[in-house]
Amino acid sequence: MSKPLVMAGIALAFVALGLLSCNRQSDRLEPGAQAPDFRADDLTGLTQYLSAQKKPVVLSFFATWCEPCREEIGSLKRIQKDYGERVQVFCIVTDPENKDKANSLAKALQPGYPFLMDEGQTIMKAYGVTTLPTTVVLDAAPRIQSRFQGFGEAEEQSLRDVLTRLTGLTPLAPVLHKKALSPSGKATK
């Protein structure tokens, strides 16, 4: 064989391997998998440990530039309030270089759950997250129970269903969070 033909074959093999590795689903942890343990500092500098939770945990993978991630905060704030101490929500900030922005958002929105700085995106990588927002639900074991890419009303209801199953209890507060409309179509209190 000629040297250029061998080199072309080797180059083609590297390209094929590269494409396969970019699309590997094995890096993405699916329901039933053991959740990787982690520790991360919150916005106050307190180190939080997954292994210390001993209850269902919701991991919301978030970036300060991601508008859908910001929209998800309201839903998760209601979920944390509704389930109280029976569930722990963590916002995993995947762009910790923007800690000041994350801090401003947390102060403005008062989510009621910690924002954890994912230095080097190690948590994001360990959970195989490639899309934001991604939400991962863990049981107390901790094993992955569910995961959502994107987040809207359907995902919020599915998340509530999973958490109700995991806790064996219904939420502490009513789940009615939509504004009522008057006959004229205007929002009422």
N, C-alpha and C. Protein backbone atom coordinates (compact mmCIF):
# COMPACT_ATOMS: atom_id res chain seq x y z
N MET A 1 0.84 -1.18 0.00
CA MET A 1 0.00 0.00 0.00
C MET A 1 0.88 1.23 0.00
N SER A 2 0.37 2.28 -0.62
CA SER A 2 1.14 3.52 -0.64
C SER A 2 0.99 4.27 0.68
N LYS A 3 1.98 5.04 1.00
CA LYS A 3 1.99 5.80 2.26
C LYS A 3 0.81 6.78 2.33
N PRO A 4 0.47 7.52 1.26
CA PRO A 4 -0.67 8.44 1.34
C PRO A 4 -1.99 7.70 1.61
N LEU A 5 -2.15 6.51 1.05
CA LEU A 5 -3.37 5.75 1.26
C LEU A 5 -3.47 5.28 2.71
N VAL A 6 -2.37 4.83 3.29
CA VAL A 6 -2.34 4.42 4.70
C VAL A 6 -2.65 5.61 5.59
N MET A 7 -2.05 6.76 5.30
CA MET A 7 -2.29 7.97 6.10
C MET A 7 -3.75 8.40 6.01
N ALA A 8 -4.33 8.31 4.82
CA ALA A 8 -5.74 8.67 4.65
C ALA A 8 -6.62 7.72 5.46
N GLY A 9 -6.29 6.43 5.48
CA GLY A 9 -7.05 5.45 6.26
C GLY A 9 -6.96 5.73 7.75
N ILE A 10 -5.78 6.08 8.22
CA ILE A 10 -5.60 6.41 9.63
C ILE A 10 -6.39 7.67 9.98
N ALA A 11 -6.33 8.68 9.13
CA ALA A 11 -7.07 9.92 9.38
C ALA A 11 -8.57 9.65 9.43
N LEU A 12 -9.07 8.83 8.52
CA LEU A 12 -10.48 8.48 8.49
C LEU A 12 -10.88 7.74 9.77
N ALA A 13 -10.03 6.87 10.26
CA ALA A 13 -10.31 6.15 11.50
C ALA A 13 -10.40 7.11 12.68
N PHE A 14 -9.51 8.09 12.75
CA PHE A 14 -9.56 9.07 13.83
C PHE A 14 -10.83 9.92 13.76
N VAL A 15 -11.23 10.31 12.56
CA VAL A 15 -12.47 11.08 12.40
C VAL A 15 -13.66 10.26 12.86
N ALA A 16 -13.72 9.00 12.46
CA ALA A 16 -14.83 8.13 12.86
C ALA A 16 -14.87 7.95 14.37
N LEU A 17 -13.73 7.74 14.99
CA LEU A 17 -13.68 7.60 16.46
C LEU A 17 -14.11 8.89 17.14
N GLY A 18 -13.70 10.02 16.60
CA GLY A 18 -14.10 11.30 17.17
C GLY A 18 -15.59 11.52 17.10
N LEU A 19 -16.21 11.17 15.96
CA LEU A 19 -17.66 11.31 15.83
C LEU A 19 -18.38 10.38 16.79
N LEU A 20 -17.90 9.18 16.92
CA LEU A 20 -18.54 8.24 17.85
C LEU A 20 -18.43 8.73 19.29
N SER A 21 -17.28 9.27 19.67
CA SER A 21 -17.13 9.72 21.05
C SER A 21 -17.98 10.94 21.34
N CYS A 22 -18.24 11.80 20.36
CA CYS A 22 -19.09 12.98 20.59
C CYS A 22 -20.54 12.59 20.77
N ASN A 23 -20.95 11.47 20.21
CA ASN A 23 -22.34 11.07 20.27
C ASN A 23 -22.59 9.90 21.20
N ARG A 24 -21.64 9.58 22.05
CA ARG A 24 -21.81 8.46 22.98
C ARG A 24 -22.92 8.76 23.96
N GLN A 25 -23.85 7.86 24.08
CA GLN A 25 -24.90 7.99 25.08
C GLN A 25 -24.48 7.34 26.39
N SER A 26 -23.40 6.57 26.40
CA SER A 26 -22.98 5.88 27.61
C SER A 26 -22.53 6.85 28.69
N ASP A 27 -22.13 8.08 28.31
CA ASP A 27 -21.73 9.07 29.30
C ASP A 27 -22.93 9.67 30.02
N ARG A 28 -24.08 9.55 29.43
CA ARG A 28 -25.30 10.10 30.01
C ARG A 28 -25.89 9.07 30.96
N LEU A 29 -26.03 9.44 32.20
CA LEU A 29 -26.55 8.52 33.20
C LEU A 29 -28.07 8.43 33.09
N GLU A 30 -28.56 7.25 33.01
CA GLU A 30 -29.99 7.00 32.82
C GLU A 30 -30.65 6.59 34.13
N PRO A 31 -31.98 6.64 34.19
CA PRO A 31 -32.69 6.19 35.40
C PRO A 31 -32.25 4.79 35.83
N GLY A 32 -32.05 4.65 37.14
CA GLY A 32 -31.59 3.41 37.73
C GLY A 32 -30.10 3.40 38.04
N ALA A 33 -29.35 4.29 37.38
CA ALA A 33 -27.90 4.35 37.60
C ALA A 33 -27.60 4.99 38.95
N GLN A 34 -26.51 4.54 39.56
CA GLN A 34 -26.03 5.17 40.80
C GLN A 34 -25.60 6.59 40.48
N ALA A 35 -26.03 7.54 41.27
CA ALA A 35 -25.67 8.94 41.05
C ALA A 35 -24.25 9.19 41.55
N PRO A 36 -23.41 9.83 40.74
CA PRO A 36 -22.06 10.16 41.19
C PRO A 36 -22.12 11.14 42.37
N ASP A 37 -21.34 10.86 43.40
CA ASP A 37 -21.27 11.77 44.54
C ASP A 37 -20.49 13.01 44.12
N PHE A 38 -20.76 14.10 44.79
CA PHE A 38 -20.01 15.33 44.53
C PHE A 38 -20.05 16.21 45.76
N ARG A 39 -19.16 17.17 45.75
CA ARG A 39 -19.20 18.26 46.72
C ARG A 39 -18.94 19.54 45.94
N ALA A 40 -19.59 20.61 46.37
CA ALA A 40 -19.43 21.89 45.70
C ALA A 40 -19.78 23.00 46.68
N ASP A 41 -19.16 24.14 46.47
CA ASP A 41 -19.43 25.30 47.33
C ASP A 41 -20.65 26.05 46.82
N ASP A 42 -21.47 26.51 47.77
CA ASP A 42 -22.59 27.35 47.39
C ASP A 42 -22.12 28.81 47.32
N LEU A 43 -23.04 29.72 47.07
CA LEU A 43 -22.68 31.13 46.89
C LEU A 43 -22.11 31.77 48.15
N THR A 44 -22.39 31.17 49.31
CA THR A 44 -21.86 31.72 50.57
C THR A 44 -20.51 31.11 50.94
N GLY A 45 -20.06 30.10 50.16
CA GLY A 45 -18.80 29.43 50.46
C GLY A 45 -18.97 28.15 51.24
N LEU A 46 -20.19 27.82 51.64
CA LEU A 46 -20.46 26.58 52.37
C LEU A 46 -20.36 25.40 51.40
N THR A 47 -19.63 24.36 51.78
CA THR A 47 -19.51 23.17 50.94
C THR A 47 -20.70 22.25 51.18
N GLN A 48 -21.36 21.89 50.10
CA GLN A 48 -22.51 20.98 50.13
C GLN A 48 -22.05 19.63 49.57
N TYR A 49 -22.53 18.55 50.18
CA TYR A 49 -22.19 17.19 49.77
C TYR A 49 -23.46 16.46 49.37
N LEU A 50 -23.46 15.84 48.20
CA LEU A 50 -24.62 15.03 47.81
C LEU A 50 -24.82 13.90 48.81
N SER A 51 -23.75 13.25 49.22
CA SER A 51 -23.84 12.09 50.12
C SER A 51 -24.46 12.42 51.47
N ALA A 52 -24.52 13.69 51.84
CA ALA A 52 -25.08 14.09 53.13
C ALA A 52 -26.59 14.28 53.09
N GLN A 53 -27.21 14.17 51.93
CA GLN A 53 -28.62 14.55 51.81
C GLN A 53 -29.60 13.53 52.39
N LYS A 54 -29.47 12.25 52.08
CA LYS A 54 -30.33 11.19 52.63
C LYS A 54 -31.81 11.42 52.36
N LYS A 55 -32.12 12.07 51.25
CA LYS A 55 -33.50 12.32 50.83
C LYS A 55 -33.47 12.57 49.32
N PRO A 56 -34.63 12.58 48.66
CA PRO A 56 -34.62 12.87 47.23
C PRO A 56 -34.00 14.24 46.94
N VAL A 57 -33.27 14.30 45.83
CA VAL A 57 -32.56 15.51 45.43
C VAL A 57 -32.91 15.83 43.98
N VAL A 58 -33.13 17.11 43.71
CA VAL A 58 -33.34 17.60 42.35
C VAL A 58 -32.12 18.43 41.98
N LEU A 59 -31.43 18.04 40.91
CA LEU A 59 -30.28 18.79 40.41
C LEU A 59 -30.71 19.54 39.16
N SER A 60 -30.62 20.85 39.22
CA SER A 60 -30.96 21.68 38.07
C SER A 60 -29.67 22.25 37.50
N PHE A 61 -29.27 21.78 36.33
CA PHE A 61 -28.05 22.26 35.69
C PHE A 61 -28.37 23.56 34.96
N PHE A 62 -27.63 24.62 35.29
CA PHE A 62 -28.00 25.99 35.00
C PHE A 62 -26.79 26.79 34.54
N ALA A 63 -27.02 27.75 33.65
CA ALA A 63 -25.99 28.73 33.30
C ALA A 63 -26.63 30.11 33.34
N THR A 64 -25.86 31.11 33.74
CA THR A 64 -26.41 32.45 33.89
C THR A 64 -26.91 33.04 32.58
N TRP A 65 -26.36 32.60 31.45
CA TRP A 65 -26.75 33.11 30.14
C TRP A 65 -27.98 32.40 29.57
N CYS A 66 -28.44 31.34 30.23
CA CYS A 66 -29.51 30.47 29.71
C CYS A 66 -30.88 30.95 30.18
N GLU A 67 -31.65 31.57 29.28
CA GLU A 67 -32.98 32.09 29.65
C GLU A 67 -33.94 31.00 30.11
N PRO A 68 -34.03 29.84 29.44
CA PRO A 68 -34.91 28.78 29.96
C PRO A 68 -34.50 28.31 31.36
N CYS A 69 -33.20 28.37 31.67
CA CYS A 69 -32.74 28.00 33.01
C CYS A 69 -33.32 28.97 34.05
N ARG A 70 -33.33 30.24 33.71
CA ARG A 70 -33.88 31.25 34.62
C ARG A 70 -35.37 31.01 34.84
N GLU A 71 -36.07 30.66 33.77
CA GLU A 71 -37.51 30.41 33.87
C GLU A 71 -37.79 29.20 34.77
N GLU A 72 -36.91 28.23 34.76
CA GLU A 72 -37.07 27.03 35.57
C GLU A 72 -36.98 27.34 37.07
N ILE A 73 -36.27 28.39 37.43
CA ILE A 73 -36.08 28.72 38.85
C ILE A 73 -37.42 28.88 39.56
N GLY A 74 -38.38 29.54 38.93
CA GLY A 74 -39.69 29.74 39.56
C GLY A 74 -40.38 28.42 39.87
N SER A 75 -40.35 27.49 38.94
CA SER A 75 -40.96 26.18 39.15
C SER A 75 -40.27 25.44 40.28
N LEU A 76 -38.94 25.46 40.28
CA LEU A 76 -38.21 24.74 41.32
C LEU A 76 -38.36 25.41 42.68
N LYS A 77 -38.52 26.71 42.68
CA LYS A 77 -38.77 27.43 43.93
C LYS A 77 -40.09 26.94 44.54
N ARG A 78 -41.13 26.81 43.70
CA ARG A 78 -42.42 26.30 44.18
C ARG A 78 -42.29 24.86 44.66
N ILE A 79 -41.54 24.05 43.93
CA ILE A 79 -41.37 22.64 44.32
C ILE A 79 -40.64 22.55 45.67
N GLN A 80 -39.58 23.32 45.85
CA GLN A 80 -38.86 23.29 47.13
C GLN A 80 -39.78 23.73 48.26
N LYS A 81 -40.58 24.75 48.01
CA LYS A 81 -41.51 25.23 49.03
C LYS A 81 -42.59 24.19 49.32
N ASP A 82 -43.14 23.59 48.26
CA ASP A 82 -44.23 22.63 48.42
C ASP A 82 -43.80 21.34 49.13
N TYR A 83 -42.60 20.85 48.84
CA TYR A 83 -42.14 19.59 49.43
C TYR A 83 -41.32 19.82 50.71
N GLY A 84 -40.93 21.05 50.96
CA GLY A 84 -40.23 21.39 52.19
C GLY A 84 -38.97 20.58 52.41
N GLU A 85 -38.77 20.14 53.64
CA GLU A 85 -37.56 19.41 54.03
C GLU A 85 -37.49 17.99 53.48
N ARG A 86 -38.54 17.53 52.84
CA ARG A 86 -38.56 16.17 52.30
C ARG A 86 -37.75 16.03 51.02
N VAL A 87 -37.42 17.16 50.38
CA VAL A 87 -36.70 17.17 49.11
C VAL A 87 -35.66 18.28 49.16
N GLN A 88 -34.50 18.05 48.52
CA GLN A 88 -33.49 19.10 48.40
C GLN A 88 -33.29 19.43 46.93
N VAL A 89 -33.44 20.70 46.58
CA VAL A 89 -33.14 21.17 45.23
C VAL A 89 -31.78 21.85 45.26
N PHE A 90 -30.95 21.54 44.27
CA PHE A 90 -29.67 22.22 44.08
C PHE A 90 -29.63 22.77 42.66
N CYS A 91 -29.26 24.02 42.53
CA CYS A 91 -28.98 24.60 41.22
C CYS A 91 -27.48 24.44 40.99
N ILE A 92 -27.12 23.69 39.96
CA ILE A 92 -25.71 23.46 39.63
C ILE A 92 -25.30 24.50 38.59
N VAL A 93 -24.55 25.50 39.02
CA VAL A 93 -24.15 26.60 38.14
C VAL A 93 -22.95 26.14 37.32
N THR A 94 -23.17 25.96 36.02
CA THR A 94 -22.14 25.40 35.14
C THR A 94 -21.18 26.44 34.59
N ASP A 95 -21.45 27.70 34.88
CA ASP A 95 -20.51 28.76 34.47
C ASP A 95 -20.08 29.54 35.71
N PRO A 96 -19.29 28.89 36.60
CA PRO A 96 -18.91 29.52 37.87
C PRO A 96 -18.07 30.78 37.70
N GLU A 97 -17.52 30.99 36.51
CA GLU A 97 -16.78 32.24 36.27
C GLU A 97 -17.73 33.44 36.34
N ASN A 98 -19.03 33.17 36.25
CA ASN A 98 -20.05 34.21 36.38
C ASN A 98 -20.72 34.17 37.74
N LYS A 99 -19.95 33.90 38.77
CA LYS A 99 -20.48 33.79 40.13
C LYS A 99 -21.22 35.05 40.55
N ASP A 100 -20.73 36.22 40.16
CA ASP A 100 -21.40 37.47 40.53
C ASP A 100 -22.81 37.54 39.92
N LYS A 101 -22.94 37.11 38.67
CA LYS A 101 -24.27 37.07 38.03
C LYS A 101 -25.18 36.07 38.73
N ALA A 102 -24.64 34.90 39.05
CA ALA A 102 -25.43 33.89 39.76
C ALA A 102 -25.87 34.42 41.12
N ASN A 103 -24.98 35.11 41.81
CA ASN A 103 -25.30 35.69 43.10
C ASN A 103 -26.40 36.74 42.97
N SER A 104 -26.31 37.59 41.96
CA SER A 104 -27.34 38.61 41.72
C SER A 104 -28.69 37.97 41.43
N LEU A 105 -28.69 36.92 40.60
CA LEU A 105 -29.94 36.21 40.29
C LEU A 105 -30.54 35.59 41.55
N ALA A 106 -29.71 34.94 42.34
CA ALA A 106 -30.19 34.30 43.56
C ALA A 106 -30.77 35.33 44.53
N LYS A 107 -30.12 36.48 44.64
CA LYS A 107 -30.64 37.53 45.52
C LYS A 107 -31.95 38.09 45.00
N ALA A 108 -32.04 38.27 43.70
CA ALA A 108 -33.26 38.85 43.11
C ALA A 108 -34.44 37.87 43.15
N LEU A 109 -34.17 36.60 42.89
CA LEU A 109 -35.25 35.62 42.76
C LEU A 109 -35.57 34.86 44.04
N GLN A 110 -34.64 34.89 45.01
CA GLN A 110 -34.85 34.20 46.29
C GLN A 110 -35.40 32.79 46.10
N PRO A 111 -34.63 31.90 45.47
CA PRO A 111 -35.16 30.58 45.14
C PRO A 111 -35.45 29.68 46.33
N GLY A 112 -34.77 29.88 47.45
CA GLY A 112 -35.01 29.02 48.61
C GLY A 112 -34.22 27.72 48.57
N TYR A 113 -33.29 27.61 47.64
CA TYR A 113 -32.40 26.45 47.55
C TYR A 113 -31.03 26.93 47.10
N PRO A 114 -29.97 26.16 47.41
CA PRO A 114 -28.61 26.60 47.12
C PRO A 114 -28.23 26.55 45.64
N PHE A 115 -27.43 27.52 45.24
CA PHE A 115 -26.76 27.53 43.95
C PHE A 115 -25.35 27.02 44.22
N LEU A 116 -24.95 25.92 43.57
CA LEU A 116 -23.63 25.33 43.77
C LEU A 116 -22.75 25.63 42.56
N MET A 117 -21.51 26.03 42.83
CA MET A 117 -20.56 26.37 41.77
C MET A 117 -19.89 25.10 41.25
N ASP A 118 -20.12 24.78 39.99
CA ASP A 118 -19.56 23.58 39.37
C ASP A 118 -18.22 23.92 38.72
N GLU A 119 -17.19 24.01 39.56
CA GLU A 119 -15.85 24.35 39.08
C GLU A 119 -15.37 23.29 38.08
N GLY A 120 -14.96 23.75 36.91
CA GLY A 120 -14.46 22.84 35.88
C GLY A 120 -15.55 21.96 35.27
N GLN A 121 -16.79 22.28 35.57
CA GLN A 121 -17.95 21.51 35.08
C GLN A 121 -17.83 20.03 35.41
N THR A 122 -17.23 19.71 36.55
CA THR A 122 -17.03 18.30 36.91
C THR A 122 -18.35 17.59 37.21
N ILE A 123 -19.30 18.28 37.82
CA ILE A 123 -20.60 17.65 38.11
C ILE A 123 -21.36 17.46 36.80
N MET A 124 -21.34 18.48 35.98
CA MET A 124 -22.01 18.41 34.68
C MET A 124 -21.49 17.23 33.86
N LYS A 125 -20.18 17.07 33.83
CA LYS A 125 -19.56 15.97 33.09
C LYS A 125 -19.89 14.62 33.72
N ALA A 126 -19.86 14.54 35.05
CA ALA A 126 -20.14 13.28 35.74
C ALA A 126 -21.55 12.79 35.46
N TYR A 127 -22.49 13.71 35.26
CA TYR A 127 -23.88 13.35 34.98
C TYR A 127 -24.20 13.30 33.49
N GLY A 128 -23.19 13.55 32.65
CA GLY A 128 -23.38 13.46 31.20
C GLY A 128 -24.32 14.52 30.65
N VAL A 129 -24.33 15.70 31.25
CA VAL A 129 -25.22 16.77 30.82
C VAL A 129 -24.59 17.52 29.66
N THR A 130 -25.34 17.62 28.56
CA THR A 130 -24.86 18.34 27.39
C THR A 130 -25.82 19.43 26.94
N THR A 131 -27.00 19.51 27.55
CA THR A 131 -28.03 20.47 27.18
C THR A 131 -28.49 21.20 28.44
N LEU A 132 -28.72 22.50 28.32
CA LEU A 132 -29.25 23.28 29.44
C LEU A 132 -30.61 23.85 29.06
N PRO A 133 -31.54 23.89 30.00
CA PRO A 133 -31.43 23.28 31.32
C PRO A 133 -31.66 21.78 31.26
N THR A 134 -30.98 21.07 32.13
CA THR A 134 -31.23 19.65 32.38
C THR A 134 -31.50 19.50 33.86
N THR A 135 -32.53 18.73 34.17
CA THR A 135 -32.90 18.48 35.56
C THR A 135 -32.80 16.99 35.81
N VAL A 136 -32.12 16.60 36.88
CA VAL A 136 -31.94 15.20 37.23
C VAL A 136 -32.53 14.98 38.62
N VAL A 137 -33.35 13.95 38.75
CA VAL A 137 -34.00 13.63 40.03
C VAL A 137 -33.37 12.37 40.60
N LEU A 138 -32.94 12.47 41.85
CA LEU A 138 -32.30 11.36 42.55
C LEU A 138 -33.17 10.91 43.71
N ASP A 139 -33.17 9.61 43.99
CA ASP A 139 -33.81 9.14 45.21
C ASP A 139 -32.81 9.25 46.35
N ALA A 140 -33.18 8.79 47.54
CA ALA A 140 -32.32 8.93 48.70
C ALA A 140 -31.10 8.02 48.66
N ALA A 141 -31.06 7.04 47.75
CA ALA A 141 -29.99 6.03 47.71
C ALA A 141 -28.58 6.58 47.42
N PRO A 142 -28.19 7.46 46.62
CA PRO A 142 -28.95 8.15 45.57
C PRO A 142 -28.81 7.45 44.21
N ARG A 143 -29.93 7.14 43.62
CA ARG A 143 -30.00 6.60 42.26
C ARG A 143 -30.79 7.57 41.40
N ILE A 144 -30.44 7.62 40.14
CA ILE A 144 -31.16 8.50 39.22
C ILE A 144 -32.55 7.91 38.97
N GLN A 145 -33.56 8.74 39.16
CA GLN A 145 -34.94 8.33 38.96
C GLN A 145 -35.53 8.90 37.67
N SER A 146 -35.09 10.08 37.31
CA SER A 146 -35.64 10.73 36.13
C SER A 146 -34.71 11.83 35.69
N ARG A 147 -34.84 12.23 34.44
CA ARG A 147 -34.08 13.38 33.94
C ARG A 147 -34.88 14.05 32.86
N PHE A 148 -34.79 15.38 32.84
CA PHE A 148 -35.53 16.20 31.88
C PHE A 148 -34.56 17.13 31.18
N GLN A 149 -34.70 17.26 29.88
CA GLN A 149 -33.95 18.25 29.13
C GLN A 149 -34.96 19.30 28.71
N GLY A 150 -34.71 20.55 29.10
CA GLY A 150 -35.71 21.59 28.94
C GLY A 150 -36.66 21.49 30.12
N PHE A 151 -37.48 22.51 30.30
CA PHE A 151 -38.37 22.47 31.45
C PHE A 151 -39.56 23.38 31.18
N GLY A 152 -40.75 22.82 31.27
CA GLY A 152 -41.99 23.56 31.10
C GLY A 152 -43.04 22.98 32.02
N GLU A 153 -44.30 23.27 31.74
CA GLU A 153 -45.39 22.79 32.60
C GLU A 153 -45.46 21.26 32.65
N ALA A 154 -45.28 20.60 31.52
CA ALA A 154 -45.35 19.13 31.50
C ALA A 154 -44.22 18.53 32.34
N GLU A 155 -43.02 19.09 32.22
CA GLU A 155 -41.88 18.59 33.00
C GLU A 155 -42.08 18.86 34.49
N GLU A 156 -42.64 20.03 34.81
CA GLU A 156 -42.90 20.33 36.23
C GLU A 156 -43.89 19.31 36.81
N GLN A 157 -44.94 18.98 36.06
CA GLN A 157 -45.90 18.01 36.57
C GLN A 157 -45.27 16.62 36.69
N SER A 158 -44.44 16.25 35.72
CA SER A 158 -43.75 14.96 35.80
C SER A 158 -42.80 14.93 37.00
N LEU A 159 -42.11 16.03 37.24
CA LEU A 159 -41.21 16.13 38.39
C LEU A 159 -42.00 15.97 39.68
N ARG A 160 -43.15 16.63 39.78
CA ARG A 160 -43.99 16.50 40.97
C ARG A 160 -44.45 15.06 41.16
N ASP A 161 -44.81 14.40 40.07
CA ASP A 161 -45.23 13.00 40.15
C ASP A 161 -44.11 12.12 40.70
N VAL A 162 -42.89 12.32 40.21
CA VAL A 162 -41.74 11.54 40.67
C VAL A 162 -41.48 11.82 42.15
N LEU A 163 -41.49 13.10 42.54
CA LEU A 163 -41.22 13.45 43.93
C LEU A 163 -42.31 12.93 44.88
N THR A 164 -43.55 12.94 44.43
CA THR A 164 -44.63 12.40 45.25
C THR A 164 -44.43 10.90 45.45
N ARG A 165 -44.01 10.21 44.38
CA ARG A 165 -43.72 8.77 44.49
C ARG A 165 -42.55 8.52 45.43
N LEU A 166 -41.49 9.33 45.32
CA LEU A 166 -40.29 9.12 46.12
C LEU A 166 -40.50 9.46 47.60
N THR A 167 -41.30 10.47 47.87
CA THR A 167 -41.52 10.87 49.26
C THR A 167 -42.69 10.13 49.89
N GLY A 168 -43.57 9.58 49.05
CA GLY A 168 -44.76 8.92 49.55
C GLY A 168 -45.78 9.90 50.09
N LEU A 169 -45.56 11.16 49.85
CA LEU A 169 -46.44 12.20 50.38
C LEU A 169 -46.81 13.18 49.29
N THR A 170 -47.92 13.83 49.47
CA THR A 170 -48.29 14.92 48.57
C THR A 170 -47.59 16.19 49.04
N PRO A 171 -47.48 17.18 48.19
CA PRO A 171 -46.80 18.42 48.59
C PRO A 171 -47.43 19.05 49.83
N LEU A 172 -46.65 19.82 50.57
CA LEU A 172 -47.13 20.51 51.76
C LEU A 172 -48.12 21.60 51.40
N ALA A 173 -47.90 22.28 50.29
CA ALA A 173 -48.74 23.40 49.88
C ALA A 173 -49.55 23.00 48.65
N PRO A 174 -50.66 23.70 48.42
CA PRO A 174 -51.43 23.41 47.21
C PRO A 174 -50.58 23.67 45.96
N VAL A 175 -50.91 22.96 44.90
CA VAL A 175 -50.13 23.05 43.67
C VAL A 175 -50.73 24.07 42.71
N LEU A 176 -51.75 24.79 43.12
CA LEU A 176 -52.38 25.78 42.25
C LEU A 176 -51.54 27.05 42.24
N HIS A 177 -50.80 27.25 41.15
CA HIS A 177 -49.92 28.41 41.06
C HIS A 177 -50.24 29.29 39.86
N LYS A 178 -51.25 28.92 39.10
CA LYS A 178 -51.59 29.72 37.93
C LYS A 178 -52.50 30.86 38.37
N LYS A 179 -52.34 32.01 37.74
CA LYS A 179 -53.18 33.15 38.06
C LYS A 179 -54.58 32.92 37.52
N ALA A 180 -55.57 33.28 38.30
CA ALA A 180 -56.95 33.20 37.84
C ALA A 180 -57.22 34.38 36.94
N LEU A 181 -58.09 34.19 35.98
CA LEU A 181 -58.46 35.26 35.08
C LEU A 181 -59.91 35.67 35.34
N SER A 182 -60.13 36.97 35.32
CA SER A 182 -61.49 37.47 35.47
C SER A 182 -62.22 37.25 34.15
N PRO A 183 -63.55 37.44 34.11
CA PRO A 183 -64.28 37.28 32.85
C PRO A 183 -63.74 38.18 31.74
N SER A 184 -63.10 39.31 32.11
CA SER A 184 -62.54 40.21 31.09
C SER A 184 -61.19 39.74 30.58
N GLY A 185 -60.65 38.66 31.19
CA GLY A 185 -59.36 38.12 30.75
C GLY A 185 -58.17 38.69 31.49
N LYS A 186 -58.43 39.56 32.48
CA LYS A 186 -57.34 40.15 33.27
C LYS A 186 -57.02 39.26 34.44
N ALA A 187 -55.75 39.24 34.82
CA ALA A 187 -55.30 38.43 35.97
C ALA A 187 -55.88 39.00 37.26
N THR A 188 -56.30 38.11 38.15
CA THR A 188 -56.81 38.52 39.45
C THR A 188 -55.89 37.98 40.52
N LYS A 189 -56.08 38.44 41.74
CA LYS A 189 -55.26 37.98 42.86
C LYS A 189 -55.74 36.66 43.38
